Amino acid sequence: MIRNIITLTLNDLAIAFKNKTIYLILFIPFFVFFSLKLIDSVDADFKKINIGLIQKEMYAPVILQTIKSADRVFTVSRVSNEEEGKRWLKEKKIDGLLLRSEKEQNSIVLVVLKKESLLTLSIVESFLTLQKAAEGNSINWISDIKPLQEGGVQKQTLPTWILMLVLLVSFIIMPAQVAEEKEKKLLLALLQTPMREIEWLIAKLLLGMILILIAVLFLHLLGQFDLGNVLSYVAFIVVGSFCFSSYGIFLGFLCRNQASARTLGVIFYLPHLLPSALSDFSQKLTAVAPFLPSYQFYEPVKSILLEEGRISNLSLEWIYLLLFGLLTFFFSYLLMKKRWLM
């Protein structure tokens, strides 16, 4: 009995090596470790807060002097105007932007990326401590906090869930389905009929796009989330579903069977998900993630849902996704014409 159990276990391990499933056991921990290394590390003692100040803004002298003197707490970055400061804030070059308050004299408005974050709490606490040391219990210097991204935690995480749904359909479902038809010789049988390769590819592409659209629509119906700018949002969902469905079909053609397609899908799934989703927490990932098509989809969707962005300001990302989808569709067509691994 024990010998049979050992024999079956070793046989299953051999199959796992043959199907490349064992690669996931090594790849997933390695990739997670590598991604965590890219996230900006926080010093054990203290991390300075980078505050943006507008060059020609007339701040209260006591506030300006206190910030400059507290060089152990703050580092100061000068920006030319409010628009540039907000752009630096999105790019993680600064942690907060200070504006002169129009309502209260000797007060400032703090602009941050997210209001409900530990970084914002740290900035406010640092200002309160410095204020008490400089003036005692006077009126708070920070009269208002304005976040660039509005909405609660559910809405803040919505772009990440949408990206996850799109990548799940594209990298897990589509490659396995293409590889299944190749493995069972169904694709070869279909190609013996008058059906042409381009017809099969378009049908598979439409399937992936329909599945993605259904998943995203169902998520919105359940959560009753606001769509922001509807036309811009729909345009990016459509072009994103086209791009990643085509990408998934291409991955399916690179595999001989379903097991290897699932393995390859996961290997591509994680590098496209984690750097984009974690880019909010790291300037390093913000520099690396733009090379991925998932980031070119994730950032516009986040901008539309959370910052009232419009496609007119995101046309480069839309064109990038469209061209990338056309490129992978063309590669899939070439592999199909060559009957790759069929």
Protein backbone atom coordinates (compact mmCIF):
# COMPACT_ATOMS: atom_id res chain seq x y z
CA MET A 1 0.00 0.00 0.00
CA ILE A 2 2.73 2.46 0.99
CA ARG A 3 4.70 1.57 -2.13
CA ASN A 4 1.66 2.28 -4.31
CA ILE A 5 1.11 5.65 -2.61
CA ILE A 6 4.76 6.59 -3.10
CA THR A 7 4.66 5.45 -6.74
CA LEU A 8 1.51 7.49 -7.46
CA THR A 9 2.94 10.54 -5.70
CA LEU A 10 6.15 10.37 -7.73
CA ASN A 11 4.10 9.90 -10.90
CA ASP A 12 2.05 13.01 -10.10
CA LEU A 13 5.25 14.97 -9.48
CA ALA A 14 6.63 13.77 -12.82
CA ILE A 15 3.44 14.93 -14.54
CA ALA A 16 3.74 18.29 -12.77
CA PHE A 17 7.27 18.66 -14.16
CA LYS A 18 6.16 17.56 -17.62
CA ASN A 19 3.24 20.01 -17.69
CA LYS A 20 5.46 22.78 -16.26
CA THR A 21 3.06 23.22 -13.32
CA ILE A 22 5.99 22.92 -10.94
CA TYR A 23 7.40 26.12 -12.42
CA LEU A 24 4.65 28.06 -10.68
CA ILE A 25 5.86 26.83 -7.30
CA LEU A 26 9.19 28.48 -8.00
CA PHE A 27 8.00 31.46 -10.02
CA ILE A 28 5.26 32.86 -7.75
CA PRO A 29 7.38 33.26 -4.55
CA PHE A 30 10.27 34.64 -6.60
CA PHE A 31 8.11 37.20 -8.36
CA VAL A 32 6.33 38.31 -5.17
CA PHE A 33 9.72 38.71 -3.48
CA PHE A 34 11.02 40.73 -6.45
CA SER A 35 7.90 42.96 -6.46
CA LEU A 36 8.22 43.64 -2.73
CA LYS A 37 11.83 44.63 -3.28
CA LEU A 38 10.69 47.25 -5.79
CA ILE A 39 8.27 48.79 -3.29
CA ASP A 40 9.86 51.78 -1.64
CA SER A 41 11.30 50.65 1.67
CA VAL A 42 10.69 52.65 4.79
CA ASP A 43 13.66 53.29 7.04
CA ALA A 44 13.48 51.72 10.46
CA ASP A 45 13.94 55.08 12.16
CA PHE A 46 12.24 57.76 10.10
CA LYS A 47 11.41 58.69 6.53
CA LYS A 48 11.40 62.34 5.58
CA ILE A 49 8.23 63.81 4.12
CA ASN A 50 8.67 65.51 0.76
CA ILE A 51 6.50 68.64 0.65
CA GLY A 52 5.85 70.62 -2.51
CA LEU A 53 5.74 74.41 -2.35
CA ILE A 54 4.65 76.66 -5.21
CA GLN A 55 7.41 79.13 -6.07
CA LYS A 56 5.33 82.31 -6.30
CA GLU A 57 2.80 81.41 -3.60
CA MET A 58 2.67 83.80 -0.62
CA TYR A 59 2.72 81.48 2.39
CA ALA A 60 2.58 82.71 5.98
CA PRO A 61 6.17 83.50 7.05
CA VAL A 62 5.92 81.49 10.27
CA ILE A 63 4.76 78.38 8.39
CA LEU A 64 7.40 78.74 5.68
CA GLN A 65 10.18 79.31 8.19
CA THR A 66 9.10 76.35 10.34
CA ILE A 67 9.03 73.99 7.34
CA LYS A 68 12.48 75.06 6.19
CA SER A 69 13.96 74.77 9.67
CA ALA A 70 12.49 71.28 10.23
CA ASP A 71 14.95 69.67 7.81
CA ARG A 72 14.87 66.43 9.81
CA VAL A 73 11.15 66.09 9.17
CA PHE A 74 10.56 67.66 5.75
CA THR A 75 12.34 67.98 2.44
CA VAL A 76 11.06 70.84 0.27
CA SER A 77 10.52 70.66 -3.49
CA ARG A 78 9.65 73.79 -5.45
CA VAL A 79 7.05 73.58 -8.22
CA SER A 80 6.16 76.30 -10.70
CA ASN A 81 2.38 76.08 -10.29
CA GLU A 82 -0.45 74.06 -8.79
CA GLU A 83 -0.90 71.91 -11.90
CA GLU A 84 2.74 70.83 -11.87
CA GLY A 85 2.51 70.10 -8.15
CA LYS A 86 -0.48 67.82 -8.65
CA ARG A 87 1.32 66.03 -11.46
CA TRP A 88 4.35 65.46 -9.21
CA LEU A 89 1.99 64.19 -6.53
CA LYS A 90 0.55 61.60 -8.93
CA GLU A 91 4.06 60.58 -9.97
CA LYS A 92 5.08 60.11 -6.29
CA LYS A 93 7.80 62.76 -6.57
CA ILE A 94 6.29 64.58 -3.57
CA ASP A 95 4.13 63.40 -0.66
CA GLY A 96 1.97 66.51 -0.34
CA LEU A 97 1.40 69.93 -1.89
CA LEU A 98 0.77 73.08 0.14
CA LEU A 99 -1.54 75.84 -1.11
CA ARG A 100 -2.30 79.13 0.61
CA SER A 101 -5.78 79.12 2.15
CA GLU A 102 -8.13 81.75 0.75
CA LYS A 103 -10.58 81.43 3.64
CA GLU A 104 -8.32 81.78 6.67
CA GLN A 105 -5.26 83.95 7.12
CA ASN A 106 -1.98 82.25 8.07
CA SER A 107 -3.41 78.86 7.07
CA ILE A 108 -2.67 76.38 4.31
CA VAL A 109 -4.51 73.74 2.30
CA LEU A 110 -2.87 70.33 2.08
CA VAL A 111 -3.28 68.49 -1.23
CA VAL A 112 -2.61 64.75 -1.04
CA LEU A 113 -3.15 61.74 -3.28
CA LYS A 114 -5.48 59.93 -0.88
CA LYS A 115 -7.09 61.41 2.21
CA GLU A 116 -7.57 58.06 3.97
CA SER A 117 -3.91 57.04 4.05
CA LEU A 118 -1.18 56.63 6.65
CA LEU A 119 1.02 59.10 4.75
CA THR A 120 -1.62 61.85 5.01
CA LEU A 121 -2.01 61.14 8.73
CA SER A 122 1.76 61.36 9.16
CA ILE A 123 1.91 64.74 7.38
CA VAL A 124 -0.90 66.18 9.50
CA GLU A 125 0.63 64.92 12.74
CA SER A 126 4.02 66.37 11.78
CA PHE A 127 2.47 69.79 11.12
CA LEU A 128 0.57 69.69 14.41
CA THR A 129 3.75 68.89 16.31
CA LEU A 130 5.71 71.68 14.62
CA GLN A 131 2.85 74.15 15.14
CA LYS A 132 2.69 73.46 18.87
CA ALA A 133 6.44 73.94 19.13
CA ALA A 134 6.32 77.24 17.21
CA GLU A 135 3.08 78.87 18.38
CA GLY A 136 1.52 76.69 21.06
CA ASN A 137 -2.20 75.95 20.95
CA SER A 138 -3.21 78.35 18.16
CA ILE A 139 -5.47 77.82 15.14
CA ASN A 140 -4.41 74.83 13.06
CA TRP A 141 -2.18 75.70 10.14
CA ILE A 142 -3.89 73.12 7.92
CA SER A 143 -7.40 74.45 7.29
CA ASP A 144 -8.41 71.83 4.72
CA ILE A 145 -7.22 68.59 3.13
CA LYS A 146 -7.97 68.05 -0.56
CA PRO A 147 -7.40 64.56 -2.02
CA LEU A 148 -6.76 64.08 -5.73
CA GLN A 149 -8.64 60.78 -5.66
CA GLU A 150 -12.15 61.03 -4.27
CA GLY A 151 -14.28 58.18 -2.95
CA GLY A 152 -14.26 55.59 -0.19
CA VAL A 153 -12.15 52.47 0.08
CA GLN A 154 -14.49 50.45 -2.15
CA LYS A 155 -14.26 52.93 -5.00
CA GLN A 156 -10.53 53.44 -4.47
CA THR A 157 -9.91 49.73 -5.02
CA LEU A 158 -12.33 49.44 -7.97
CA PRO A 159 -9.69 50.01 -10.72
CA THR A 160 -7.58 47.19 -9.25
CA TRP A 161 -10.54 44.78 -9.27
CA ILE A 162 -11.37 45.73 -12.86
CA LEU A 163 -7.77 45.10 -13.91
CA MET A 164 -7.86 41.76 -12.12
CA LEU A 165 -11.04 40.70 -13.95
CA VAL A 166 -9.63 41.71 -17.33
CA LEU A 167 -6.37 39.84 -16.74
CA LEU A 168 -8.11 36.74 -15.38
CA VAL A 169 -10.18 36.37 -18.54
CA SER A 170 -7.25 37.21 -20.81
CA PHE A 171 -4.43 35.20 -19.22
CA ILE A 172 -6.23 32.32 -17.48
CA ILE A 173 -9.37 31.56 -19.52
CA MET A 174 -8.41 32.47 -23.09
CA PRO A 175 -4.99 30.73 -23.36
CA ALA A 176 -6.40 27.52 -21.85
CA GLN A 177 -9.33 27.51 -24.27
CA VAL A 178 -7.10 28.04 -27.31
CA ALA A 179 -4.68 25.36 -26.12
CA GLU A 180 -7.58 22.95 -25.48
CA GLU A 181 -8.76 23.22 -29.09
CA LYS A 182 -5.19 22.63 -30.25
CA GLU A 183 -4.65 19.70 -27.87
CA LYS A 184 -7.86 17.93 -28.89
CA LYS A 185 -7.20 18.62 -32.60
CA LEU A 186 -10.48 20.55 -32.82
CA LEU A 187 -8.75 23.52 -34.43
CA LEU A 188 -7.18 21.37 -37.14
CA ALA A 189 -10.56 19.80 -37.84
CA LEU A 190 -12.18 23.22 -38.18
CA LEU A 191 -9.47 24.34 -40.57
CA GLN A 192 -10.34 21.45 -42.87
CA THR A 193 -13.69 23.13 -43.47
CA PRO A 194 -14.19 26.27 -45.60
CA MET A 195 -13.64 28.35 -42.46
CA ARG A 196 -10.58 30.60 -42.67
CA GLU A 197 -8.05 31.38 -39.96
CA ILE A 198 -9.06 35.01 -39.64
CA GLU A 199 -12.68 34.01 -38.96
CA TRP A 200 -11.67 31.74 -36.10
CA LEU A 201 -9.41 34.42 -34.61
CA ILE A 202 -12.10 37.11 -34.78
CA ALA A 203 -14.62 34.75 -33.14
CA LYS A 204 -12.19 34.00 -30.29
CA LEU A 205 -11.41 37.70 -29.93
CA LEU A 206 -15.10 38.57 -29.67
CA LEU A 207 -15.56 35.82 -27.08
CA GLY A 208 -12.83 37.28 -24.87
CA MET A 209 -14.19 40.81 -25.23
CA ILE A 210 -17.75 39.71 -24.41
CA LEU A 211 -16.59 37.80 -21.31
CA ILE A 212 -14.63 40.83 -20.07
CA LEU A 213 -17.50 43.23 -20.69
CA ILE A 214 -19.94 40.92 -18.88
CA ALA A 215 -17.59 40.59 -15.88
CA VAL A 216 -17.04 44.38 -15.61
CA LEU A 217 -20.75 45.15 -16.09
CA PHE A 218 -21.73 42.58 -13.45
CA LEU A 219 -19.24 44.12 -11.01
CA HIS A 220 -20.76 47.57 -11.51
CA LEU A 221 -24.30 46.25 -11.15
CA LEU A 222 -23.45 44.55 -7.87
CA GLY A 223 -21.54 47.48 -6.39
CA GLN A 224 -23.61 50.25 -8.04
CA PHE A 225 -20.43 52.22 -8.66
CA ASP A 226 -20.41 55.54 -10.47
CA LEU A 227 -18.91 55.23 -13.95
CA GLY A 228 -17.43 58.73 -14.04
CA ASN A 229 -17.20 59.86 -17.65
CA VAL A 230 -19.26 57.09 -19.26
CA LEU A 231 -18.06 57.44 -22.87
CA SER A 232 -14.39 57.58 -21.91
CA TYR A 233 -14.81 54.66 -19.52
CA VAL A 234 -16.60 52.46 -22.06
CA ALA A 235 -13.99 53.33 -24.72
CA PHE A 236 -11.14 52.14 -22.47
CA ILE A 237 -12.95 48.99 -21.37
CA VAL A 238 -13.60 48.07 -25.02
CA VAL A 239 -10.07 48.75 -26.25
CA GLY A 240 -8.64 47.08 -23.12
CA SER A 241 -10.75 43.96 -23.68
CA PHE A 242 -9.60 43.90 -27.32
CA CYS A 243 -5.93 44.28 -26.37
CA PHE A 244 -5.83 41.64 -23.64
CA SER A 245 -8.12 39.15 -25.40
CA SER A 246 -5.75 39.27 -28.36
CA TYR A 247 -2.82 38.93 -25.95
CA GLY A 248 -4.41 35.83 -24.36
CA ILE A 249 -5.04 34.18 -27.73
CA PHE A 250 -1.40 34.73 -28.63
CA LEU A 251 -0.26 33.06 -25.39
CA GLY A 252 -2.56 30.12 -26.12
CA PHE A 253 -0.82 29.56 -29.46
CA LEU A 254 2.54 29.36 -27.71
CA CYS A 255 1.40 26.25 -25.77
CA ARG A 256 0.78 22.68 -26.81
CA ASN A 257 -1.76 21.73 -24.10
CA GLN A 258 -4.03 23.20 -21.44
CA ALA A 259 -1.68 22.57 -18.52
CA SER A 260 1.18 24.53 -20.07
CA ALA A 261 -1.27 27.28 -21.12
CA ARG A 262 -2.50 27.70 -17.54
CA THR A 263 1.08 27.82 -16.29
CA LEU A 264 2.11 30.39 -18.89
CA GLY A 265 -1.04 32.39 -18.18
CA VAL A 266 -0.24 32.70 -14.47
CA ILE A 267 3.38 33.59 -15.28
CA PHE A 268 2.12 36.49 -17.40
CA TYR A 269 -0.78 37.32 -15.09
CA LEU A 270 1.23 38.25 -12.00
CA PRO A 271 3.79 40.57 -13.69
CA HIS A 272 0.94 42.46 -15.35
CA LEU A 273 -1.17 42.72 -12.18
CA LEU A 274 1.18 43.44 -9.28
CA PRO A 275 3.40 46.26 -10.66
CA SER A 276 0.36 48.18 -11.94
CA ALA A 277 -1.77 47.63 -8.82
CA LEU A 278 1.12 48.41 -6.45
CA SER A 279 2.40 51.43 -8.38
CA ASP A 280 0.45 53.71 -5.99
CA PHE A 281 2.74 52.62 -3.18
CA SER A 282 6.12 53.02 -4.83
CA GLN A 283 7.96 55.50 -7.02
CA LYS A 284 10.17 52.64 -8.25
CA LEU A 285 7.17 50.68 -9.50
CA THR A 286 5.77 53.86 -11.05
CA ALA A 287 8.94 53.99 -13.17
CA VAL A 288 8.82 50.29 -14.12
CA ALA A 289 5.07 49.71 -14.62
CA PRO A 290 4.54 52.01 -17.66
CA PHE A 291 6.38 49.48 -19.83
CA LEU A 292 3.46 47.06 -19.31
CA PRO A 293 0.20 47.25 -21.29
CA SER A 294 -1.70 46.56 -18.07
CA TYR A 295 -0.47 49.89 -16.65
CA GLN A 296 -1.61 51.73 -19.78
CA PHE A 297 -5.08 50.31 -19.08
CA TYR A 298 -5.07 50.62 -15.28
CA GLU A 299 -4.00 54.26 -15.01
CA PRO A 300 -6.63 55.66 -17.44
CA VAL A 301 -9.39 53.61 -15.79
CA LYS A 302 -8.28 54.91 -12.37
CA SER A 303 -8.12 58.46 -13.71
CA ILE A 304 -11.63 58.23 -15.18
CA LEU A 305 -13.21 56.63 -12.10
CA LEU A 306 -11.41 58.60 -9.39
CA GLU A 307 -10.18 61.84 -10.97
CA GLU A 308 -12.84 62.56 -13.63
CA GLY A 309 -10.36 61.97 -16.44
CA ARG A 310 -11.38 62.08 -20.11
CA ILE A 311 -10.24 60.14 -23.16
CA SER A 312 -9.12 63.40 -24.78
CA ASN A 313 -6.34 63.56 -22.18
CA LEU A 314 -5.61 59.82 -22.39
CA SER A 315 -5.42 59.33 -26.15
CA LEU A 316 -1.83 58.03 -26.09
CA GLU A 317 -2.76 55.20 -23.72
CA TRP A 318 -5.81 54.33 -25.85
CA ILE A 319 -3.70 54.20 -29.04
CA TYR A 320 -1.04 52.13 -27.24
CA LEU A 321 -3.59 49.48 -26.22
CA LEU A 322 -5.10 49.40 -29.70
CA LEU A 323 -1.72 48.97 -31.41
CA PHE A 324 -0.58 46.34 -28.91
CA GLY A 325 -3.79 44.37 -29.50
CA LEU A 326 -3.34 44.55 -33.28
CA LEU A 327 0.27 43.41 -32.94
CA THR A 328 -0.55 40.33 -30.84
CA PHE A 329 -3.50 39.56 -33.14
CA PHE A 330 -1.12 39.60 -36.12
CA PHE A 331 1.35 37.29 -34.34
CA SER A 332 -1.50 34.90 -33.53
CA TYR A 333 -2.48 34.88 -37.19
CA LEU A 334 1.10 34.02 -38.23
CA LEU A 335 1.31 31.17 -35.71
CA MET A 336 -2.05 29.83 -36.87
CA LYS A 337 -0.97 29.91 -40.51
CA LYS A 338 2.15 27.91 -39.58
CA ARG A 339 0.01 25.44 -37.54
CA TRP A 340 2.25 26.12 -34.55
CA LEU A 341 2.36 23.15 -32.10
CA MET A 342 -0.78 21.61 -33.67
